[in-house]
């Protein structure tokens, strides 16, 4: 029988796709807190947990008792204007030991922080749930404004039907920085001395927080290489600043200073009015026109990849085995394992990270590779840096909760794989019965 590991998002140590993460209930004054709804919505599905069975062969006793109580909520939110601004997504709360909703009925209204139930057991571990958020292709496109993995920032500015959060400006290498700004703020013709032309593409992040406006300079990979702060209370005085810098069109000037572009009906005067800001770069500070024709403007509503938002859909088959070149490259899963093949079992088992009991000599050829690579995967996936890399990625892969396609998703376990020997048929049937006891049908991909 397979070992039950602590599973993370988006893959387990067996390199199975894993759509959520396992969370442990926090405590307050010694009591474990209940599971609550993450947002307003409606009850899309619920299943009360099966009674605990002592029989070790019971499907839910696979590797230790696992509760199968489940709630799925349907959520709707609006992220901007227009027909495409409404986004539907689902939140899944699995492994509940108790459902505490009073008289649950499909379609009933649920409000944020409503109590749903109590965290149960996962492979014998107490007070845990599996939690995930899913949406179908169309909803992900509406949410992010694109279908491609990365934002096409070089060819056009960001979406105009949705704008929120921090603002970002793309500065191509041909944009020039100056020692000073023009006397007239809106003048795009800067006659001061040329200071710098960025040697590489730059991303400027503009963040407003508690009255302060901070502009940080990043490379296209998101690494911060400079920071400049505007005057104190710049945000609170923004309309006065706009009225001073753009006296003919203060409302449009306000939008330019706050959002980097114009959304309302009022037009800038002149139409190419400049947006001069001081930008820090290695070696100093220079004035750049953030409204220049070659500068792109975006917001968090564009889910920029330099902030970690990547749409990953490069695993081309329908099984659960992670074969995403992008993810495997991101986590360096295909680099040399933690325990190289030439190491002896004595050396391997002496390693403090080695959790398994020493194996019999006849087992070495079968199991050493499997455990070596599983330990390698565990070390990589659990790293804080690895979890940070994938925390904002949006993945597309088959749901583990489907009820009719188990063999399609998990049939690869019956074959020898990178993790070692094939799973015996008897163990495979036990795993299949275990999954069937928790599955609830197909969910949006």
Protein backbone atom coordinates (compact mmCIF):
# COMPACT_ATOMS: atom_id res chain seq x y z
CA UNK A 1 0.00 0.00 0.00
CA UNK A 2 1.27 3.49 -0.81
CA UNK A 3 2.55 5.76 1.90
CA UNK A 4 0.23 8.65 2.74
CA UNK A 5 2.17 11.88 2.40
CA UNK A 6 1.25 15.43 3.31
CA UNK A 7 0.07 16.71 -0.05
CA UNK A 8 0.66 20.20 -1.33
CA UNK A 9 -0.43 22.21 -4.35
CA UNK A 10 -0.22 21.42 -7.27
CA UNK A 11 1.46 18.00 -7.04
CA UNK A 12 2.10 15.31 -4.46
CA UNK A 13 5.42 13.60 -3.90
CA UNK A 14 4.20 10.78 -6.16
CA UNK A 15 4.00 13.46 -8.90
CA UNK A 16 0.22 13.14 -9.01
CA UNK A 17 -1.62 16.34 -9.82
CA UNK A 18 -3.19 17.67 -6.62
CA UNK A 19 -5.77 20.41 -7.05
CA UNK A 20 -5.68 21.82 -3.55
CA UNK A 21 -3.77 21.80 -0.30
CA UNK A 22 -4.25 20.12 3.07
CA UNK A 23 -4.96 22.55 5.89
CA UNK A 24 -5.03 21.89 9.61
CA UNK A 25 -7.70 23.56 11.73
CA UNK A 26 -6.27 26.26 14.03
CA UNK A 27 -7.13 26.34 17.70
CA UNK A 28 -8.59 29.01 19.95
CA UNK A 29 -8.52 28.59 23.73
CA UNK A 30 -7.73 24.92 23.21
CA UNK A 31 -10.61 24.18 20.82
CA UNK A 32 -10.25 23.47 17.11
CA UNK A 33 -12.04 26.08 15.02
CA UNK A 34 -14.73 25.10 12.49
CA UNK A 35 -14.47 25.21 8.70
CA UNK A 36 -16.01 28.40 7.29
CA UNK A 37 -17.04 29.63 3.84
CA UNK A 38 -14.41 31.75 2.07
CA UNK A 39 -16.96 33.98 0.31
CA UNK A 40 -20.68 34.50 -0.34
CA UNK A 41 -22.20 31.84 -2.56
CA UNK A 42 -24.68 28.99 -2.86
CA UNK A 43 -24.48 25.34 -1.87
CA UNK A 44 -23.66 23.37 -5.02
CA UNK A 45 -23.05 19.95 -3.43
CA UNK A 46 -22.82 18.35 -0.02
CA UNK A 47 -22.22 14.86 1.33
CA UNK A 48 -22.39 13.90 4.97
CA UNK A 49 -19.37 11.89 6.16
CA UNK A 50 -19.55 8.12 6.25
CA UNK A 51 -19.49 6.47 9.70
CA UNK A 52 -16.01 5.49 10.86
CA UNK A 53 -15.27 1.79 10.29
CA UNK A 54 -12.75 -0.27 12.22
CA UNK A 55 -12.33 -2.75 9.36
CA UNK A 56 -8.81 -2.12 7.93
CA UNK A 57 -10.06 -3.17 4.48
CA UNK A 58 -12.76 -0.49 4.40
CA UNK A 59 -12.17 1.82 1.41
CA UNK A 60 -11.87 4.88 3.64
CA UNK A 61 -9.30 3.08 5.83
CA UNK A 62 -6.73 3.12 3.05
CA UNK A 63 -3.54 4.17 4.86
CA UNK A 64 -5.56 5.21 7.92
CA UNK A 65 -9.08 6.53 8.25
CA UNK A 66 -10.04 9.39 5.91
CA UNK A 67 -13.30 11.29 6.33
CA UNK A 68 -15.28 11.88 3.15
CA UNK A 69 -17.65 14.64 4.25
CA UNK A 70 -17.70 17.26 1.53
CA UNK A 71 -19.15 20.67 0.68
CA UNK A 72 -18.85 22.56 -2.61
CA UNK A 73 -19.88 26.20 -2.84
CA UNK A 74 -20.61 28.13 -6.03
CA UNK A 75 -19.46 31.75 -6.03
CA UNK A 76 -20.09 34.68 -8.36
CA UNK A 77 -18.10 37.89 -8.38
CA UNK A 78 -17.77 40.91 -10.64
CA UNK A 79 -14.29 42.16 -11.48
CA UNK A 80 -15.14 45.12 -13.74
CA UNK A 81 -17.66 46.37 -16.28
CA UNK A 82 -19.55 44.64 -19.07
CA UNK A 83 -21.03 41.21 -19.68
CA UNK A 84 -17.69 39.45 -19.30
CA UNK A 85 -17.02 40.90 -15.87
CA UNK A 86 -18.99 38.22 -13.97
CA UNK A 87 -16.81 35.29 -12.88
CA UNK A 88 -18.09 31.98 -11.47
CA UNK A 89 -15.84 29.75 -9.38
CA UNK A 90 -16.20 26.95 -6.85
CA UNK A 91 -14.61 26.25 -3.48
CA UNK A 92 -14.25 22.64 -2.29
CA UNK A 93 -14.05 21.58 1.37
CA UNK A 94 -13.22 17.87 1.55
CA UNK A 95 -12.59 15.48 4.48
CA UNK A 96 -15.14 17.01 6.83
CA UNK A 97 -15.93 14.86 9.86
CA UNK A 98 -19.21 16.70 10.39
CA UNK A 99 -21.44 19.05 8.40
CA UNK A 100 -22.98 21.67 10.64
CA UNK A 101 -25.14 23.55 8.13
CA UNK A 102 -28.70 23.54 9.36
CA UNK A 103 -30.93 21.61 6.94
CA UNK A 104 -28.58 21.87 3.94
CA UNK A 105 -30.35 22.12 0.58
CA UNK A 106 -28.68 22.48 -2.79
CA UNK A 107 -28.92 26.10 -3.91
CA UNK A 108 -29.27 27.54 -0.40
CA UNK A 109 -27.54 30.86 0.23
CA UNK A 110 -24.22 30.76 2.08
CA UNK A 111 -22.47 33.85 3.39
CA UNK A 112 -18.79 34.50 3.95
CA UNK A 113 -17.56 33.03 7.23
CA UNK A 114 -20.69 30.90 7.69
CA UNK A 115 -19.79 27.71 9.58
CA UNK A 116 -19.84 24.69 7.24
CA UNK A 117 -18.55 21.84 9.36
CA UNK A 118 -15.61 20.36 11.25
CA UNK A 119 -12.24 19.29 9.90
CA UNK A 120 -11.79 15.53 9.89
CA UNK A 121 -9.09 12.95 9.32
CA UNK A 122 -6.83 12.47 6.30
CA UNK A 123 -5.01 9.12 6.41
CA UNK A 124 -5.34 9.07 10.19
CA UNK A 125 -4.17 12.67 10.72
CA UNK A 126 -6.74 14.64 12.76
CA UNK A 127 -8.38 18.04 12.19
CA UNK A 128 -7.49 18.45 8.53
CA UNK A 129 -9.27 19.28 5.28
CA UNK A 130 -8.45 19.34 1.62
CA UNK A 131 -9.29 22.78 0.20
CA UNK A 132 -9.23 23.94 -3.40
CA UNK A 133 -10.67 26.54 -5.77
CA UNK A 134 -11.67 25.64 -9.33
CA UNK A 135 -13.24 27.26 -12.38
CA UNK A 136 -13.76 26.25 -16.01
CA UNK A 137 -11.79 27.56 -19.00
CA UNK A 138 -14.18 30.40 -19.84
CA UNK A 139 -14.22 31.70 -16.28
CA UNK A 140 -10.42 31.64 -16.03
CA UNK A 141 -10.26 33.63 -19.28
CA UNK A 142 -12.71 36.17 -17.86
CA UNK A 143 -10.81 36.39 -14.62
CA UNK A 144 -7.33 36.83 -16.06
CA UNK A 145 -8.18 38.43 -19.40
CA UNK A 146 -6.08 35.96 -21.38
CA UNK A 147 -5.56 32.35 -22.47
CA UNK A 148 -1.78 32.35 -22.74
CA UNK A 149 0.59 31.49 -19.92
CA UNK A 150 2.17 34.94 -19.81
CA UNK A 151 0.82 38.44 -20.31
CA UNK A 152 1.56 39.89 -23.76
CA UNK A 153 3.00 43.05 -22.26
CA UNK A 154 5.25 44.10 -25.16
CA UNK A 155 2.53 44.52 -27.78
CA UNK A 156 -0.36 46.22 -25.98
CA UNK A 157 -1.46 47.74 -22.69
CA UNK A 158 -3.66 45.93 -20.19
CA UNK A 159 -7.39 45.38 -20.17
CA UNK A 160 -9.78 48.29 -19.77
CA UNK A 161 -12.87 46.39 -18.62
CA UNK A 162 -11.21 45.64 -15.29
CA UNK A 163 -8.61 47.62 -13.35
CA UNK A 164 -7.72 47.24 -9.68
CA UNK A 165 -4.85 46.78 -7.26
CA UNK A 166 -1.38 48.00 -8.09
CA UNK A 167 -0.49 49.60 -11.44
CA UNK A 168 2.44 48.51 -13.61
CA UNK A 169 4.28 50.27 -16.42
CA UNK A 170 6.37 48.49 -19.02
CA UNK A 171 9.42 50.54 -20.05
CA UNK A 172 11.14 49.24 -23.19
CA UNK A 173 14.88 49.93 -23.56
CA UNK A 174 14.29 52.82 -25.99
CA UNK A 175 12.51 54.94 -23.38
CA UNK A 176 14.71 57.79 -22.11
CA UNK A 177 15.11 59.09 -18.58
CA UNK A 178 15.97 62.74 -17.87
CA UNK A 179 17.67 64.73 -15.16
CA UNK A 180 14.63 66.93 -14.65
CA UNK A 181 11.02 67.34 -15.76
CA UNK A 182 9.61 70.07 -18.02
CA UNK A 183 8.36 73.26 -16.37
CA UNK A 184 4.84 72.34 -17.46
CA UNK A 185 3.98 68.94 -16.06
CA UNK A 186 1.85 67.91 -19.04
CA UNK A 187 4.55 68.77 -21.60
CA UNK A 188 5.89 65.61 -23.25
CA UNK A 189 8.84 67.46 -24.78
CA UNK A 190 11.61 67.24 -22.20
CA UNK A 191 14.54 69.56 -22.93
CA UNK A 192 16.56 68.75 -19.82
CA UNK A 193 19.71 66.66 -20.06
CA UNK A 194 19.43 62.99 -20.94
CA UNK A 195 20.39 60.75 -18.01
CA UNK A 196 19.75 57.13 -18.79
CA UNK A 197 18.31 54.72 -21.30
CA UNK A 198 17.44 51.45 -19.54
CA UNK A 199 19.82 48.70 -20.70
CA UNK A 200 17.01 46.14 -20.34
CA UNK A 201 13.22 46.08 -20.20
CA UNK A 202 11.87 47.41 -16.93
CA UNK A 203 8.60 47.05 -15.04
CA UNK A 204 7.57 49.92 -12.76
CA UNK A 205 5.15 49.00 -9.99
CA UNK A 206 3.05 51.85 -8.57
CA UNK A 207 1.48 51.09 -5.22
CA UNK A 208 -0.73 53.32 -3.07
CA UNK A 209 -0.95 52.50 0.62
CA UNK A 210 -2.12 54.66 3.55
CA UNK A 211 -1.42 57.90 1.73
CA UNK A 212 1.96 56.92 0.36
CA UNK A 213 2.73 56.26 -3.31
CA UNK A 214 5.76 54.04 -3.94
CA UNK A 215 7.23 53.30 -7.36
CA UNK A 216 9.46 50.23 -7.42
CA UNK A 217 11.57 49.25 -10.39
CA UNK A 218 11.74 45.58 -11.41
CA UNK A 219 13.24 43.51 -14.17
CA UNK A 220 10.84 41.40 -16.27
CA UNK A 221 11.32 38.47 -13.87
CA UNK A 222 9.94 40.54 -10.99
CA UNK A 223 13.20 41.20 -9.13
CA UNK A 224 13.22 44.62 -7.45
CA UNK A 225 16.16 46.80 -8.47
CA UNK A 226 15.10 50.23 -7.18
CA UNK A 227 12.50 52.21 -5.23
CA UNK A 228 11.30 55.81 -5.12
CA UNK A 229 8.68 57.26 -2.77
CA UNK A 230 6.50 60.24 -3.62
CA UNK A 231 5.85 63.00 -1.07
CA UNK A 232 3.99 62.05 2.09
CA UNK A 233 0.18 62.03 1.70
CA UNK A 234 0.54 62.01 -2.10
CA UNK A 235 -2.47 59.69 -2.34
CA UNK A 236 -4.63 61.82 -0.04
CA UNK A 237 -3.70 64.98 -1.96
CA UNK A 238 -4.09 63.34 -5.37
CA UNK A 239 -6.93 65.50 -6.69
CA UNK A 240 -5.14 68.68 -5.64
CA UNK A 241 -1.99 67.41 -7.36
CA UNK A 242 -3.99 66.57 -10.49
CA UNK A 243 -5.63 70.01 -10.50
CA UNK A 244 -2.20 71.62 -10.30
CA UNK A 245 -0.53 69.48 -12.96
CA UNK A 246 -3.49 69.21 -15.35
CA UNK A 247 -5.57 72.36 -14.69
CA UNK A 248 -7.57 72.08 -17.96
CA UNK A 249 -8.68 68.49 -17.20
CA UNK A 250 -8.13 67.63 -13.50
CA UNK A 251 -10.46 64.60 -13.54
CA UNK A 252 -8.55 63.02 -16.42
CA UNK A 253 -5.30 64.02 -14.77
CA UNK A 254 -6.42 62.29 -11.58
CA UNK A 255 -7.00 59.03 -13.48
CA UNK A 256 -3.62 59.35 -15.19
CA UNK A 257 -1.86 59.77 -11.85
CA UNK A 258 -3.85 57.04 -10.11
CA UNK A 259 -4.30 54.45 -12.86
CA UNK A 260 -1.74 55.40 -15.50
CA UNK A 261 -4.44 55.86 -18.17
CA UNK A 262 -7.86 57.39 -18.74
CA UNK A 263 -11.06 55.37 -18.22
CA UNK A 264 -13.71 58.08 -17.85
CA UNK A 265 -15.35 60.35 -20.46
CA UNK A 266 -13.09 63.35 -19.78
CA UNK A 267 -10.12 63.66 -22.12
CA UNK A 268 -6.59 64.80 -21.43
CA UNK A 269 -5.52 68.19 -22.73
CA UNK A 270 -3.29 67.96 -24.66
CA UNK A 271 -4.18 64.45 -25.81
CA UNK A 272 -0.58 63.30 -25.32
CA UNK A 273 -0.17 64.93 -21.92
CA UNK A 274 2.84 63.53 -20.12
CA UNK A 275 2.88 61.60 -16.85
CA UNK A 276 6.27 62.47 -15.38
CA UNK A 277 7.49 60.38 -12.46
CA UNK A 278 10.87 59.87 -10.85
CA UNK A 279 12.01 56.28 -11.31
CA UNK A 280 14.86 54.63 -9.42
CA UNK A 281 17.31 52.42 -11.26
CA UNK A 282 20.74 51.03 -10.35
CA UNK A 283 22.94 54.09 -10.08
CA UNK A 284 20.40 56.83 -9.48
CA UNK A 285 16.98 58.35 -10.19
CA UNK A 286 15.64 59.81 -13.46
CA UNK A 287 12.41 61.34 -14.75
CA UNK A 288 10.40 59.15 -17.15
CA UNK A 289 7.18 59.90 -19.01
CA UNK A 290 4.93 56.97 -18.08
CA UNK A 291 2.36 58.08 -20.68
CA UNK A 292 4.79 57.82 -23.61
CA UNK A 293 3.48 55.97 -26.66
CA UNK A 294 5.85 53.02 -26.20
CA UNK A 295 5.12 52.54 -22.48
CA UNK A 296 2.57 49.86 -21.58
CA UNK A 297 0.20 50.20 -18.62
CA UNK A 298 -1.31 47.32 -16.61
CA UNK A 299 -2.87 46.53 -13.26
CA UNK A 300 -3.27 43.53 -10.97
CA UNK A 301 -6.46 42.78 -12.94
CA UNK A 302 -4.16 41.63 -15.77
CA UNK A 303 -2.62 38.95 -13.51
CA UNK A 304 0.91 39.81 -14.69
CA UNK A 305 3.35 36.93 -14.86
CA UNK A 306 6.12 39.00 -13.30
CA UNK A 307 3.98 38.83 -10.15
CA UNK A 308 3.91 35.04 -10.42
CA UNK A 309 0.58 34.66 -12.26
CA UNK A 310 1.11 31.97 -14.91
CA UNK A 311 -1.59 29.96 -16.72
CA UNK A 312 -0.14 26.46 -17.11
CA UNK A 313 -1.76 24.00 -19.50
CA UNK A 314 1.12 22.02 -21.02
CA UNK A 315 0.34 18.54 -19.68
CA UNK A 316 -1.28 17.18 -22.81
CA UNK A 317 -2.80 13.89 -21.64
CA UNK A 318 -5.72 13.12 -19.29
CA UNK A 319 -3.92 11.13 -16.61
CA UNK A 320 -3.01 12.41 -13.16
CA UNK A 321 0.74 12.05 -13.61
CA UNK A 322 2.34 15.49 -13.76
CA UNK A 323 4.15 15.78 -17.07
CA UNK A 324 4.09 19.56 -17.35
CA UNK A 325 7.48 20.64 -18.77
CA UNK A 326 6.99 24.13 -17.36
CA UNK A 327 6.23 23.00 -13.79
CA UNK A 328 8.92 20.35 -13.74
CA UNK A 329 11.42 22.91 -14.99
CA UNK A 330 10.22 25.52 -12.50
CA UNK A 331 10.71 23.14 -9.56
CA UNK A 332 13.82 21.47 -11.08
CA UNK A 333 12.24 18.05 -10.59
CA UNK A 334 14.33 16.51 -13.34
CA UNK A 335 17.69 17.46 -11.87
CA UNK A 336 19.82 14.86 -10.10
CA UNK A 337 17.91 13.20 -7.23
CA UNK A 338 18.70 13.87 -3.59
CA UNK A 339 20.10 10.35 -3.32
CA UNK A 340 22.25 9.53 -6.41
CA UNK A 341 22.04 5.93 -7.71
CA UNK A 342 25.62 5.07 -6.75
CA UNK A 343 24.96 5.66 -3.03
CA UNK A 344 24.64 2.53 -0.92
CA UNK A 345 21.59 1.79 1.23
CA UNK A 346 23.71 2.29 4.35
CA UNK A 347 24.66 5.78 3.19
CA UNK A 348 21.07 6.59 2.21
CA UNK A 349 19.53 5.43 5.49
CA UNK A 350 22.16 7.35 7.49
CA UNK A 351 20.92 10.61 6.00
CA UNK A 352 18.76 12.46 8.59
CA UNK A 353 16.19 13.19 5.88
CA UNK A 354 15.65 9.49 5.21
CA UNK A 355 12.36 8.49 6.86
CA UNK A 356 12.03 4.85 5.81
CA UNK A 357 13.07 1.69 7.62
CA UNK A 358 16.10 -0.13 6.16
CA UNK A 359 15.12 -2.51 3.39
CA UNK A 360 15.92 -6.19 2.98
CA UNK A 361 18.66 -6.99 0.45
CA UNK A 362 16.16 -8.55 -1.98
CA UNK A 363 14.14 -5.34 -1.93
CA UNK A 364 16.93 -2.98 -2.89
CA UNK A 365 16.56 -3.20 -6.66
CA UNK A 366 12.82 -2.57 -6.46
CA UNK A 367 12.47 0.14 -3.85
CA UNK A 368 15.66 2.17 -3.53
CA UNK A 369 15.03 4.23 -6.67
CA UNK A 370 11.39 4.83 -5.71
CA UNK A 371 12.21 6.09 -2.23
CA UNK A 372 15.23 8.04 -3.41
CA UNK A 373 13.22 10.01 -5.94
CA UNK A 374 10.23 10.38 -3.63
CA UNK A 375 12.53 11.86 -0.99
CA UNK A 376 13.98 14.13 -3.67
CA UNK A 377 10.50 15.30 -4.66
CA UNK A 378 9.53 15.79 -1.01
CA UNK A 379 12.59 17.95 -0.36
CA UNK A 380 11.87 20.12 -3.41
CA UNK A 381 8.09 20.50 -3.16
CA UNK A 382 8.11 21.30 0.57
CA UNK A 383 10.69 24.08 0.19
CA UNK A 384 9.26 27.49 0.97
CA UNK A 385 10.83 28.85 -2.20
CA UNK A 386 9.09 26.15 -4.28
CA UNK A 387 5.71 26.89 -2.74
CA UNK A 388 6.22 30.60 -3.42
CA UNK A 389 6.97 29.86 -7.07
CA UNK A 390 3.66 28.01 -7.59
CA UNK A 391 1.42 29.90 -5.14
CA UNK A 392 -0.03 32.15 -7.88
CA UNK A 393 0.08 29.71 -10.77
CA UNK A 394 -3.24 28.65 -12.33
CA UNK A 395 -3.09 25.03 -13.53
CA UNK A 396 -5.34 23.00 -15.77
CA UNK A 397 -5.48 19.25 -15.17
CA UNK A 398 -8.12 16.54 -14.51
CA UNK A 399 -9.90 16.73 -11.17
CA UNK A 400 -8.99 14.03 -8.68
CA UNK A 401 -12.65 13.84 -7.61
CA UNK A 402 -14.06 12.44 -10.86
CA UNK A 403 -16.04 9.23 -10.37
CA UNK A 404 -16.02 7.64 -13.82
CA UNK A 405 -12.48 8.08 -15.18
CA UNK A 406 -10.24 6.58 -12.51
CA UNK A 407 -8.45 4.21 -14.89
CA UNK A 408 -7.74 7.06 -17.31
CA UNK A 409 -6.25 9.18 -14.58
CA UNK A 410 -4.42 6.56 -12.54
CA UNK A 411 -3.79 3.64 -14.88
CA UNK A 412 -0.18 4.81 -15.22
CA UNK A 413 0.43 3.48 -11.69
CA UNK A 414 0.21 -0.06 -13.07
CA UNK A 415 3.28 0.59 -15.21
CA UNK A 416 6.89 1.04 -14.23
CA UNK A 417 7.55 4.75 -13.97
CA UNK A 418 10.11 7.29 -12.86
CA UNK A 419 9.06 6.50 -9.30
CA UNK A 420 10.00 2.87 -9.57
CA UNK A 421 8.07 -0.38 -9.89
CA UNK A 422 4.50 -0.78 -11.06
CA UNK A 423 1.78 -0.85 -8.41
CA UNK A 424 0.47 -4.40 -7.81
CA UNK A 425 -3.03 -4.92 -9.18
CA UNK A 426 -4.44 -5.71 -5.72
CA UNK A 427 -3.12 -2.42 -4.31
CA UNK A 428 -4.44 -0.59 -7.36
CA UNK A 429 -7.94 -1.96 -6.73
CA UNK A 430 -7.78 -0.84 -3.09
CA UNK A 431 -6.75 2.65 -4.19
CA UNK A 432 -9.58 2.67 -6.72
CA UNK A 433 -12.15 1.74 -4.05
CA UNK A 434 -10.68 4.42 -1.78
CA UNK A 435 -10.99 7.10 -4.43
CA UNK A 436 -14.52 6.00 -5.33
CA UNK A 437 -15.57 6.47 -1.69
CA UNK A 438 -14.52 10.13 -1.89
CA UNK A 439 -15.38 11.02 -5.50
CA UNK A 440 -18.50 13.01 -6.34
CA UNK A 441 -18.47 13.29 -10.13
CA UNK A 442 -16.91 15.66 -12.60
CA UNK A 443 -16.10 19.25 -11.67
CA UNK A 444 -15.12 22.14 -13.92
CA UNK A 445 -11.55 21.93 -15.22
